[in-house]
C-alpha cells in the first residue's frame, strides 16, 4: 500500500513499524472482516485518516472494547498484554507515518 502524501507516493507503508498490521487490517476491513488487525485500524481510524491512510467508513462504534473482548475470548489470561502490545504497534505506525510526512 502506498500513501500519496508520504514521500510523493513512493513510500510503502508496510515498511514502517507496525505497517504489516495496518495493511492487513485495511484489507480485512475492505473485505468486511472484523479481524484483530481490522479492529486495530478502527481504533486508530481518526488519526490514520489525518495521516493520509485511506480508512474505510462504517467502522465499529467502540473498537477498543470490541478488540479487548475479542482478545479476551481468544486468550483471557493474555488479553491485557496483547491489547497493550497491539496499541503500541499502532502508535509506532502513527508516529512513523507522521515523521515520514514531514
Protein backbone atom coordinates (compact mmCIF):
# COMPACT_ATOMS: atom_id res chain seq x y z
CA UNK A 1 0.00 0.00 0.00
CA UNK A 2 1.29 3.42 -0.88
CA UNK A 3 0.22 6.72 0.61
CA UNK A 4 0.01 9.76 -1.64
CA UNK A 5 1.11 12.26 1.00
CA UNK A 6 4.18 10.33 2.09
CA UNK A 7 7.33 10.78 0.03
CA UNK A 8 5.28 11.80 -3.00
CA UNK A 9 3.57 8.41 -3.14
CA UNK A 10 6.83 6.48 -3.17
CA UNK A 11 6.69 5.12 0.37
CA UNK A 12 5.45 1.62 1.08
CA UNK A 13 3.72 1.75 4.48
CA UNK A 14 4.33 -1.92 5.11
CA UNK A 15 7.98 -0.94 5.69
CA UNK A 16 7.02 1.22 8.68
CA UNK A 17 6.91 -0.24 12.21
CA UNK A 18 3.54 -1.97 12.53
CA UNK A 19 2.87 -1.42 8.83
CA UNK A 20 2.13 -5.07 8.10
CA UNK A 21 -0.58 -5.00 10.78
CA UNK A 22 -2.17 -1.85 9.33
CA UNK A 23 -2.04 -3.16 5.75
CA UNK A 24 -3.64 -6.45 6.87
CA UNK A 25 -6.29 -4.57 8.85
CA UNK A 26 -7.18 -2.34 5.92
CA UNK A 27 -7.51 -5.38 3.65
CA UNK A 28 -9.71 -7.14 6.21
CA UNK A 29 -11.94 -4.07 6.58
CA UNK A 30 -12.25 -3.81 2.79
CA UNK A 31 -13.34 -7.46 2.75
CA UNK A 32 -15.90 -6.82 5.51
CA UNK A 33 -13.99 -8.86 8.08
CA UNK A 34 -13.60 -7.57 11.65
CA UNK A 35 -10.33 -9.28 12.48
CA UNK A 36 -7.98 -8.19 15.26
CA UNK A 37 -5.96 -6.26 12.65
CA UNK A 38 -9.13 -4.60 11.33
CA UNK A 39 -10.12 -3.57 14.84
CA UNK A 40 -6.66 -2.02 15.37
CA UNK A 41 -7.18 0.06 12.22
CA UNK A 42 -10.62 1.04 13.54
CA UNK A 43 -9.08 2.12 16.85
CA UNK A 44 -6.60 4.33 15.00
CA UNK A 45 -9.06 5.37 12.30
CA UNK A 46 -9.27 9.11 13.01
CA UNK A 47 -5.51 9.54 13.37
CA UNK A 48 -4.76 7.29 10.41
CA UNK A 49 -7.17 9.28 8.24
CA UNK A 50 -5.45 12.54 9.21
CA UNK A 51 -2.13 10.96 8.19
CA UNK A 52 -3.46 10.12 4.73
CA UNK A 53 -4.26 6.44 5.26
CA UNK A 54 -7.50 5.64 3.38
CA UNK A 55 -9.56 4.15 6.24
CA UNK A 56 -12.97 2.76 5.22
CA UNK A 57 -16.11 4.28 6.70
CA UNK A 58 -18.64 2.37 8.77
CA UNK A 59 -16.20 1.32 11.48
CA UNK A 60 -17.43 -0.14 14.78
CA UNK A 61 -18.67 2.46 17.27
CA UNK A 62 -16.44 1.21 20.09
CA UNK A 63 -13.50 -0.62 18.52
CA UNK A 64 -11.37 -0.54 21.69
CA UNK A 65 -13.91 -2.60 23.62
CA UNK A 66 -14.54 -4.92 20.68
CA UNK A 67 -10.82 -5.52 20.32
CA UNK A 68 -10.35 -6.27 24.00
CA UNK A 69 -13.39 -8.57 24.04
CA UNK A 70 -12.03 -10.48 21.03
CA UNK A 71 -8.62 -10.85 22.67
CA UNK A 72 -10.17 -11.94 25.97
CA UNK A 73 -12.23 -14.53 24.13
CA UNK A 74 -9.14 -15.93 22.41
CA UNK A 75 -6.90 -15.93 25.48
CA UNK A 76 -8.33 -14.50 28.72
CA UNK A 77 -5.06 -14.53 30.63
CA UNK A 78 -3.12 -12.74 27.91
CA UNK A 79 -5.75 -10.27 26.69
CA UNK A 80 -4.42 -7.24 28.55
CA UNK A 81 -0.82 -7.75 27.43
CA UNK A 82 -1.84 -8.44 23.82
CA UNK A 83 -4.11 -5.38 23.77
CA UNK A 84 -1.32 -3.14 25.02
CA UNK A 85 1.18 -4.62 22.55
CA UNK A 86 -1.17 -4.06 19.63
CA UNK A 87 -1.87 -0.49 20.69
CA UNK A 88 1.88 0.14 20.93
CA UNK A 89 2.31 -1.15 17.36
CA UNK A 90 -0.48 1.16 16.18
CA UNK A 91 1.11 4.15 17.91
CA UNK A 92 4.53 3.25 16.45
CA UNK A 93 3.00 3.18 12.99
CA UNK A 94 1.25 6.52 13.54
CA UNK A 95 4.46 8.15 14.76
CA UNK A 96 6.50 6.76 11.87
CA UNK A 97 3.85 7.93 9.41
CA UNK A 98 3.82 11.41 10.93
CA UNK A 99 7.62 11.61 10.77
CA UNK A 100 7.69 10.40 7.17
CA UNK A 101 5.14 13.02 6.16
CA UNK A 102 7.35 15.89 7.33
